[in-house]
Amino acid sequence: MALNLELVGTNLGPFRHSWDSKDTILYALSVGAGQSDLVFTSENSSSVSQKVLPTFGVVGGGPVLLEIWDQMGSFDHSQLLHLEQSINVLSE
């Protein structure tokens, strides 16, 4: 089966997903942050407050895609092009 074109434009709707400092540190390390990037790779260094790379928002919500992954069809996923994604961060 090829790509299921009926899913084009599918709105997955709002969802909640949370992460912790370990997740953001692992992400920073995986994209190449190192010793000079302690604000992204450490949560308890002296006088350094942890920050999160802005691009983490793109992958932080990734688990919701697993809900429709099997419906997308059978094709070479390495050829998939990610065109658009939006994120709204709401404070409570």
N, C-alpha and C. Protein backbone atom coordinates (compact mmCIF):
# COMPACT_ATOMS: atom_id res chain seq x y z
N MET A 1 0.85 -1.18 0.00
CA MET A 1 0.00 0.00 0.00
C MET A 1 0.89 1.24 0.00
N ALA A 2 0.51 2.25 -0.74
CA ALA A 2 1.25 3.51 -0.80
C ALA A 2 0.76 4.45 0.30
N LEU A 3 1.19 5.67 0.24
CA LEU A 3 0.79 6.70 1.19
C LEU A 3 -0.72 6.90 1.13
N ASN A 4 -1.37 6.93 2.27
CA ASN A 4 -2.81 7.14 2.36
C ASN A 4 -3.09 8.63 2.24
N LEU A 5 -3.47 9.08 1.05
CA LEU A 5 -3.68 10.50 0.79
C LEU A 5 -4.93 11.05 1.48
N GLU A 6 -5.79 10.19 1.98
CA GLU A 6 -6.98 10.66 2.70
C GLU A 6 -6.61 11.33 4.01
N LEU A 7 -5.41 11.11 4.49
CA LEU A 7 -4.97 11.73 5.74
C LEU A 7 -4.40 13.13 5.55
N VAL A 8 -4.20 13.56 4.31
CA VAL A 8 -3.66 14.90 4.06
C VAL A 8 -4.60 15.93 4.66
N GLY A 9 -4.05 16.83 5.45
CA GLY A 9 -4.85 17.88 6.09
C GLY A 9 -5.54 17.46 7.37
N THR A 10 -5.27 16.26 7.84
CA THR A 10 -5.90 15.77 9.05
C THR A 10 -5.50 16.63 10.24
N ASN A 11 -6.47 17.05 11.01
CA ASN A 11 -6.23 17.81 12.24
C ASN A 11 -6.30 16.83 13.39
N LEU A 12 -5.20 16.68 14.09
CA LEU A 12 -5.17 15.73 15.21
C LEU A 12 -5.80 16.31 16.46
N GLY A 13 -6.19 17.56 16.39
CA GLY A 13 -6.88 18.18 17.52
C GLY A 13 -5.94 18.53 18.66
N PRO A 14 -6.45 19.22 19.64
CA PRO A 14 -5.60 19.58 20.78
C PRO A 14 -5.30 18.35 21.64
N PHE A 15 -4.14 18.34 22.24
CA PHE A 15 -3.77 17.27 23.15
C PHE A 15 -2.79 17.81 24.16
N ARG A 16 -2.66 17.12 25.26
CA ARG A 16 -1.70 17.49 26.29
C ARG A 16 -0.58 16.48 26.31
N HIS A 17 0.62 17.00 26.43
CA HIS A 17 1.79 16.15 26.54
C HIS A 17 2.77 16.86 27.45
N SER A 18 3.36 16.15 28.36
CA SER A 18 4.32 16.79 29.26
C SER A 18 5.68 16.12 29.15
N TRP A 19 6.70 16.84 29.56
CA TRP A 19 8.05 16.32 29.57
C TRP A 19 8.77 16.90 30.77
N ASP A 20 9.92 16.36 31.07
CA ASP A 20 10.68 16.86 32.22
C ASP A 20 12.08 17.25 31.78
N SER A 21 12.89 17.67 32.74
CA SER A 21 14.23 18.16 32.42
C SER A 21 15.09 17.08 31.75
N LYS A 22 14.90 15.82 32.14
CA LYS A 22 15.68 14.74 31.52
C LYS A 22 15.41 14.67 30.02
N ASP A 23 14.16 14.80 29.63
CA ASP A 23 13.80 14.74 28.21
C ASP A 23 14.45 15.88 27.43
N THR A 24 14.42 17.09 27.98
CA THR A 24 14.98 18.23 27.26
C THR A 24 16.51 18.17 27.21
N ILE A 25 17.13 17.65 28.27
CA ILE A 25 18.59 17.49 28.27
C ILE A 25 19.02 16.45 27.24
N LEU A 26 18.31 15.32 27.19
CA LEU A 26 18.64 14.29 26.20
C LEU A 26 18.46 14.81 24.78
N TYR A 27 17.43 15.62 24.57
CA TYR A 27 17.23 16.20 23.25
C TYR A 27 18.40 17.12 22.89
N ALA A 28 18.79 17.99 23.82
CA ALA A 28 19.90 18.91 23.56
C ALA A 28 21.17 18.15 23.21
N LEU A 29 21.45 17.10 23.96
CA LEU A 29 22.65 16.30 23.68
C LEU A 29 22.54 15.60 22.32
N SER A 30 21.34 15.16 21.97
CA SER A 30 21.17 14.44 20.71
C SER A 30 21.35 15.32 19.49
N VAL A 31 21.13 16.64 19.63
CA VAL A 31 21.32 17.54 18.49
C VAL A 31 22.68 18.23 18.53
N GLY A 32 23.56 17.79 19.45
CA GLY A 32 24.94 18.26 19.43
C GLY A 32 25.34 19.27 20.47
N ALA A 33 24.48 19.58 21.43
CA ALA A 33 24.89 20.50 22.50
C ALA A 33 26.00 19.85 23.31
N GLY A 34 26.92 20.65 23.77
CA GLY A 34 28.06 20.12 24.51
C GLY A 34 28.41 20.95 25.73
N GLN A 35 29.67 20.94 26.12
CA GLN A 35 30.11 21.62 27.33
C GLN A 35 29.87 23.12 27.30
N SER A 36 29.94 23.71 26.13
CA SER A 36 29.72 25.16 26.05
C SER A 36 28.23 25.53 26.10
N ASP A 37 27.37 24.54 26.17
CA ASP A 37 25.92 24.75 26.18
C ASP A 37 25.28 24.29 27.48
N LEU A 38 25.92 24.58 28.61
CA LEU A 38 25.43 24.08 29.90
C LEU A 38 23.99 24.48 30.21
N VAL A 39 23.54 25.60 29.71
CA VAL A 39 22.16 26.00 29.99
C VAL A 39 21.16 25.01 29.41
N PHE A 40 21.57 24.25 28.40
CA PHE A 40 20.68 23.26 27.78
C PHE A 40 20.97 21.84 28.23
N THR A 41 22.15 21.59 28.79
CA THR A 41 22.56 20.22 29.08
C THR A 41 22.73 19.93 30.56
N SER A 42 22.36 20.86 31.43
CA SER A 42 22.53 20.63 32.86
C SER A 42 21.36 21.25 33.61
N GLU A 43 20.90 20.56 34.62
CA GLU A 43 19.80 21.10 35.41
C GLU A 43 20.24 21.56 36.79
N ASN A 44 21.48 21.31 37.16
CA ASN A 44 21.89 21.69 38.51
C ASN A 44 23.33 22.18 38.59
N SER A 45 23.79 22.89 37.56
CA SER A 45 25.13 23.48 37.63
C SER A 45 25.06 24.76 38.45
N SER A 46 26.13 25.07 39.10
CA SER A 46 26.18 26.27 39.93
C SER A 46 25.92 27.52 39.09
N SER A 47 24.95 28.29 39.50
CA SER A 47 24.56 29.57 38.89
C SER A 47 24.14 29.46 37.42
N VAL A 48 23.65 28.28 37.00
CA VAL A 48 23.17 28.09 35.63
C VAL A 48 21.74 27.56 35.70
N SER A 49 20.80 28.33 35.17
CA SER A 49 19.41 27.88 35.12
C SER A 49 19.19 27.14 33.81
N GLN A 50 18.53 26.00 33.90
CA GLN A 50 18.31 25.20 32.70
C GLN A 50 17.36 25.91 31.75
N LYS A 51 17.66 25.82 30.46
CA LYS A 51 16.80 26.32 29.40
C LYS A 51 16.54 25.19 28.42
N VAL A 52 15.54 25.37 27.57
CA VAL A 52 15.17 24.35 26.60
C VAL A 52 15.38 24.91 25.20
N LEU A 53 15.98 24.11 24.33
CA LEU A 53 16.15 24.54 22.95
C LEU A 53 14.78 24.77 22.32
N PRO A 54 14.60 25.85 21.58
CA PRO A 54 13.29 26.15 21.00
C PRO A 54 12.77 25.05 20.07
N THR A 55 13.68 24.32 19.44
CA THR A 55 13.26 23.27 18.50
C THR A 55 12.70 22.05 19.22
N PHE A 56 12.85 21.98 20.55
CA PHE A 56 12.30 20.84 21.29
C PHE A 56 10.79 20.76 21.13
N GLY A 57 10.14 21.89 20.96
CA GLY A 57 8.68 21.89 20.79
C GLY A 57 8.20 21.07 19.63
N VAL A 58 9.02 20.94 18.61
CA VAL A 58 8.63 20.16 17.42
C VAL A 58 8.60 18.68 17.74
N VAL A 59 9.59 18.20 18.50
CA VAL A 59 9.64 16.77 18.80
C VAL A 59 8.96 16.43 20.12
N GLY A 60 8.78 17.41 20.98
CA GLY A 60 8.14 17.17 22.27
C GLY A 60 6.71 16.68 22.14
N GLY A 61 6.03 17.07 21.06
CA GLY A 61 4.67 16.64 20.83
C GLY A 61 4.55 15.46 19.90
N GLY A 62 5.67 14.87 19.53
CA GLY A 62 5.70 13.79 18.57
C GLY A 62 4.85 12.57 18.89
N PRO A 63 4.67 12.19 20.15
CA PRO A 63 3.92 10.96 20.44
C PRO A 63 2.50 10.93 19.88
N VAL A 64 1.90 12.09 19.65
CA VAL A 64 0.53 12.08 19.12
C VAL A 64 0.50 11.51 17.71
N LEU A 65 1.59 11.61 16.97
CA LEU A 65 1.63 11.05 15.61
C LEU A 65 1.56 9.54 15.61
N LEU A 66 1.95 8.92 16.70
CA LEU A 66 1.90 7.46 16.77
C LEU A 66 0.47 6.95 16.65
N GLU A 67 -0.51 7.80 16.99
CA GLU A 67 -1.91 7.40 16.89
C GLU A 67 -2.33 7.12 15.45
N ILE A 68 -1.75 7.84 14.49
CA ILE A 68 -2.15 7.66 13.09
C ILE A 68 -1.07 7.02 12.24
N TRP A 69 0.08 6.69 12.83
CA TRP A 69 1.22 6.18 12.06
C TRP A 69 0.84 4.97 11.21
N ASP A 70 0.12 4.01 11.79
CA ASP A 70 -0.24 2.80 11.05
C ASP A 70 -1.22 3.08 9.92
N GLN A 71 -1.98 4.16 10.03
CA GLN A 71 -2.97 4.50 9.00
C GLN A 71 -2.34 5.22 7.81
N MET A 72 -1.09 5.66 7.95
CA MET A 72 -0.44 6.46 6.91
C MET A 72 -0.10 5.63 5.67
N GLY A 73 -0.06 4.33 5.79
CA GLY A 73 0.26 3.48 4.65
C GLY A 73 1.64 2.88 4.80
N SER A 74 1.99 1.99 3.89
CA SER A 74 3.31 1.38 3.93
C SER A 74 4.16 2.00 2.82
N PHE A 75 5.22 2.64 3.23
CA PHE A 75 6.13 3.31 2.31
C PHE A 75 7.45 3.51 3.03
N ASP A 76 8.45 3.96 2.33
CA ASP A 76 9.76 4.20 2.91
C ASP A 76 9.70 5.50 3.73
N HIS A 77 9.62 5.36 5.05
CA HIS A 77 9.46 6.53 5.92
C HIS A 77 10.66 7.47 5.89
N SER A 78 11.80 6.99 5.39
CA SER A 78 12.96 7.89 5.27
C SER A 78 12.74 8.90 4.15
N GLN A 79 11.74 8.66 3.30
CA GLN A 79 11.43 9.58 2.20
C GLN A 79 10.33 10.57 2.57
N LEU A 80 9.86 10.52 3.80
CA LEU A 80 8.78 11.40 4.25
C LEU A 80 9.31 12.80 4.46
N LEU A 81 8.60 13.79 3.98
CA LEU A 81 8.98 15.19 4.13
C LEU A 81 8.02 15.87 5.08
N HIS A 82 8.56 16.45 6.14
CA HIS A 82 7.75 17.15 7.14
C HIS A 82 7.56 18.58 6.68
N LEU A 83 6.35 18.95 6.30
CA LEU A 83 6.11 20.27 5.73
C LEU A 83 5.65 21.30 6.74
N GLU A 84 4.76 20.96 7.63
CA GLU A 84 4.20 21.99 8.49
C GLU A 84 3.78 21.41 9.82
N GLN A 85 3.95 22.20 10.84
CA GLN A 85 3.51 21.85 12.18
C GLN A 85 3.37 23.15 12.95
N SER A 86 2.38 23.23 13.79
CA SER A 86 2.25 24.44 14.61
C SER A 86 2.06 24.02 16.06
N ILE A 87 2.49 24.90 16.94
CA ILE A 87 2.43 24.64 18.37
C ILE A 87 1.89 25.88 19.06
N ASN A 88 0.91 25.69 19.91
CA ASN A 88 0.40 26.78 20.74
C ASN A 88 0.68 26.40 22.19
N VAL A 89 1.41 27.25 22.88
CA VAL A 89 1.71 27.00 24.28
C VAL A 89 0.80 27.86 25.12
N LEU A 90 -0.02 27.22 25.93
CA LEU A 90 -0.97 27.93 26.77
C LEU A 90 -0.52 27.86 28.22
N SER A 91 -0.56 28.97 28.90
CA SER A 91 -0.21 28.94 30.32
C SER A 91 -1.47 28.73 31.13
N GLU A 92 -1.30 28.06 32.25
CA GLU A 92 -2.48 27.78 33.09
C GLU A 92 -2.48 28.68 34.29
